[in-house]
Amino acid sequence: MANSEASPPAPPPRFSFSSFTHPWKYQVFLSFRGEDTRNNFTAHLCNALRLRGINTFMDEELTRGEDISRELLQAIEQSKISIIVFSETFASSKWCLDELVKIIECKESKKQLVRPVFYKVDPSHVRNVQGTFGEALANHERNSSVSSEKVQKWRTALNQAANLSGWTLLNQYLSSLHT
């Protein structure tokens, strides 16, 4: 015959704030083409975020090379939000395109928030890989050191990122800010 006495419920687990570890090292990761926006839009955005106490990663201390560095990939993985600043020559940089692929992967696997900024570019050019984006990918395809699979990953990532909700800053809006 089974014991009809029920055991008392277990006490609730005790939690303290110190027992939680936050998975994000950075609140924001900034992805951008340095020669286009480093010393203007992106620098101002980074400064504004930091002034508001937002821990922001910008690649100012990284050494540029042919391949994306492990340190940069880790910074992407450890960021809660990635802001991608699409500019005229963004897609001409294999480094930027590799960053973008990693950001899209983290959006899916780590639920990272991703927000695009279309700086002086039409979002449809990014989405459909047209204009300077189409020209850049065509140049990469002609480069024998870049596989067609890699170019296809870049195309897919550009399309996915351009379909996200973001901000468009075209010339007419930027010129009105200075008047």
Protein backbone atom coordinates (compact mmCIF):
# COMPACT_ATOMS: atom_id res chain seq x y z
CA MET A 1 0.00 0.00 0.00
CA ALA A 2 1.40 3.42 -0.98
CA ASN A 3 2.10 6.09 1.57
CA SER A 4 -0.74 8.60 1.35
CA GLU A 5 1.23 11.36 3.03
CA ALA A 6 2.44 13.98 0.55
CA SER A 7 5.88 15.38 1.09
CA PRO A 8 6.01 19.13 1.69
CA PRO A 9 6.83 21.27 -1.34
CA ALA A 10 10.47 22.13 -1.81
CA PRO A 11 11.39 25.67 -0.75
CA PRO A 12 11.82 28.10 -3.63
CA PRO A 13 15.39 28.47 -4.82
CA ARG A 14 17.24 31.44 -3.40
CA PHE A 15 18.56 33.89 -5.93
CA SER A 16 20.69 36.93 -5.59
CA PHE A 17 21.60 39.42 -8.25
CA SER A 18 25.24 38.46 -7.83
CA SER A 19 24.44 34.88 -8.89
CA PHE A 20 23.46 36.05 -12.40
CA THR A 21 26.14 36.68 -14.96
CA HIS A 22 25.20 38.90 -17.86
CA PRO A 23 26.13 37.27 -21.17
CA TRP A 24 26.90 40.58 -22.89
CA LYS A 25 30.29 42.24 -22.64
CA TYR A 26 29.14 45.12 -24.87
CA GLN A 27 25.73 46.70 -25.18
CA VAL A 28 26.38 47.85 -28.78
CA PHE A 29 28.71 46.69 -31.54
CA LEU A 30 29.24 49.15 -34.39
CA SER A 31 29.87 47.71 -37.86
CA PHE A 32 30.92 50.22 -40.52
CA ARG A 33 33.30 50.93 -43.40
CA GLY A 34 36.03 53.02 -41.84
CA GLU A 35 36.97 55.15 -44.81
CA ASP A 36 33.32 56.17 -45.31
CA THR A 37 32.10 57.00 -41.81
CA ARG A 38 34.81 56.50 -39.14
CA ASN A 39 35.62 60.21 -38.73
CA ASN A 40 32.09 61.55 -39.11
CA PHE A 41 28.78 59.74 -38.60
CA THR A 42 30.06 56.61 -36.83
CA ALA A 43 32.42 58.53 -34.54
CA HIS A 44 29.55 60.85 -33.52
CA LEU A 45 27.21 57.90 -32.97
CA CYS A 46 29.79 56.08 -30.86
CA ASN A 47 30.48 59.18 -28.75
CA ALA A 48 26.76 59.81 -28.22
CA LEU A 49 26.21 56.22 -27.09
CA ARG A 50 29.21 56.29 -24.74
CA LEU A 51 28.15 59.65 -23.26
CA ARG A 52 24.87 57.99 -22.31
CA GLY A 53 26.75 55.23 -20.51
CA ILE A 54 26.22 52.63 -23.24
CA ASN A 55 29.19 50.26 -23.48
CA THR A 56 29.96 50.43 -27.20
CA PHE A 57 32.53 48.46 -29.20
CA MET A 58 34.21 50.30 -32.04
CA ASP A 59 37.24 48.78 -33.75
CA GLU A 60 39.57 51.73 -33.22
CA GLU A 61 42.26 49.65 -31.52
CA LEU A 62 42.20 46.60 -33.79
CA THR A 63 44.85 45.95 -36.40
CA ARG A 64 43.39 45.57 -39.87
CA GLY A 65 44.36 42.55 -41.90
CA GLU A 66 43.11 40.45 -44.76
CA ASP A 67 41.04 38.18 -42.52
CA ILE A 68 38.62 39.17 -39.80
CA SER A 69 40.26 38.79 -36.40
CA ARG A 70 39.14 36.43 -33.63
CA GLU A 71 38.95 39.42 -31.27
CA LEU A 72 36.43 41.11 -33.54
CA LEU A 73 34.33 37.96 -33.88
CA GLN A 74 34.25 37.65 -30.09
CA ALA A 75 33.18 41.29 -29.74
CA ILE A 76 30.27 40.61 -32.11
CA GLU A 77 29.28 37.49 -30.16
CA GLN A 78 29.46 39.37 -26.85
CA SER A 79 27.26 42.29 -27.94
CA LYS A 80 23.58 42.68 -27.17
CA ILE A 81 22.90 44.93 -30.18
CA SER A 82 24.71 45.38 -33.48
CA ILE A 83 24.29 48.55 -35.48
CA ILE A 84 25.39 48.19 -39.09
CA VAL A 85 26.19 51.45 -40.86
CA PHE A 86 25.75 50.69 -44.56
CA SER A 87 27.62 53.24 -46.66
CA GLU A 88 28.69 53.59 -50.31
CA THR A 89 31.76 51.31 -50.11
CA PHE A 90 30.64 48.98 -47.29
CA ALA A 91 30.39 45.95 -49.62
CA SER A 92 33.82 46.58 -51.17
CA SER A 93 35.34 45.43 -47.87
CA LYS A 94 35.57 41.66 -47.37
CA TRP A 95 36.14 42.46 -43.70
CA CYS A 96 32.81 44.32 -43.44
CA LEU A 97 30.98 41.56 -45.28
CA ASP A 98 32.45 38.87 -43.01
CA GLU A 99 31.40 40.96 -39.99
CA LEU A 100 27.91 41.20 -41.42
CA VAL A 101 27.63 37.42 -41.85
CA LYS A 102 28.71 36.93 -38.22
CA ILE A 103 26.20 39.54 -37.02
CA ILE A 104 23.35 37.80 -38.87
CA GLU A 105 24.47 34.46 -37.38
CA CYS A 106 24.40 35.99 -33.88
CA LYS A 107 20.97 37.47 -34.55
CA GLU A 108 19.69 33.97 -35.18
CA SER A 109 21.70 31.95 -32.63
CA LYS A 110 22.02 34.45 -29.75
CA LYS A 111 18.89 36.53 -30.38
CA GLN A 112 21.08 39.61 -30.82
CA LEU A 113 19.22 42.76 -31.86
CA VAL A 114 20.40 44.11 -35.20
CA ARG A 115 19.61 47.57 -36.53
CA PRO A 116 20.80 48.86 -39.89
CA VAL A 117 21.59 52.47 -40.70
CA PHE A 118 21.55 53.30 -44.40
CA TYR A 119 24.03 56.17 -44.59
CA LYS A 120 23.70 57.90 -47.96
CA VAL A 121 22.57 54.63 -49.59
CA ASP A 122 19.18 53.41 -50.71
CA PRO A 123 18.07 50.40 -48.61
CA SER A 124 16.80 48.69 -51.78
CA HIS A 125 20.35 48.77 -53.19
CA VAL A 126 21.56 46.84 -50.15
CA ARG A 127 18.57 44.47 -50.16
CA ASN A 128 18.81 43.70 -53.88
CA VAL A 129 22.61 44.03 -54.13
CA GLN A 130 22.43 46.84 -56.69
CA GLY A 131 24.45 50.01 -57.30
CA THR A 132 27.78 50.09 -55.45
CA PHE A 133 26.73 46.94 -53.56
CA GLY A 134 26.20 45.00 -56.79
CA GLU A 135 29.44 46.32 -58.27
CA ALA A 136 31.40 45.35 -55.15
CA LEU A 137 30.05 41.80 -55.08
CA ALA A 138 30.72 41.41 -58.81
CA ASN A 139 34.34 42.47 -58.15
CA HIS A 140 34.60 39.95 -55.30
CA GLU A 141 33.23 37.23 -57.60
CA ARG A 142 35.95 37.99 -60.15
CA ASN A 143 38.59 37.66 -57.42
CA SER A 144 39.88 34.09 -57.53
CA SER A 145 40.65 34.12 -53.79
CA VAL A 146 36.93 34.47 -52.92
CA SER A 147 34.71 31.41 -53.27
CA SER A 148 31.29 31.64 -54.87
CA GLU A 149 29.84 30.16 -51.65
CA LYS A 150 31.30 33.05 -49.65
CA VAL A 151 29.89 35.63 -52.07
CA GLN A 152 26.48 33.95 -51.79
CA LYS A 153 26.67 34.16 -47.95
CA TRP A 154 27.43 37.88 -48.29
CA ARG A 155 24.46 38.38 -50.66
CA THR A 156 22.13 36.58 -48.27
CA ALA A 157 23.40 38.55 -45.26
CA LEU A 158 23.00 41.88 -47.11
CA ASN A 159 19.44 40.97 -48.03
CA GLN A 160 18.53 39.83 -44.50
CA ALA A 161 20.04 42.91 -42.86
CA ALA A 162 18.37 45.30 -45.31
CA ASN A 163 15.00 43.75 -44.51
CA LEU A 164 15.33 44.69 -40.83
CA SER A 165 13.81 47.81 -39.33
CA GLY A 166 16.40 50.56 -39.25
CA TRP A 167 17.15 54.16 -40.21
CA THR A 168 17.72 55.74 -43.60
CA LEU A 169 19.94 58.83 -43.76
CA LEU A 170 19.99 60.03 -47.35
CA ASN A 171 21.75 63.16 -48.64
CA GLN A 172 18.66 65.38 -48.48
CA TYR A 173 18.20 64.61 -44.76
CA LEU A 174 21.86 65.05 -43.91
CA SER A 175 22.19 68.38 -45.71
CA SER A 176 19.14 69.75 -43.86
CA LEU A 177 20.86 68.97 -40.53
CA HIS A 178 23.70 71.37 -41.38
CA THR A 179 21.53 74.36 -42.35
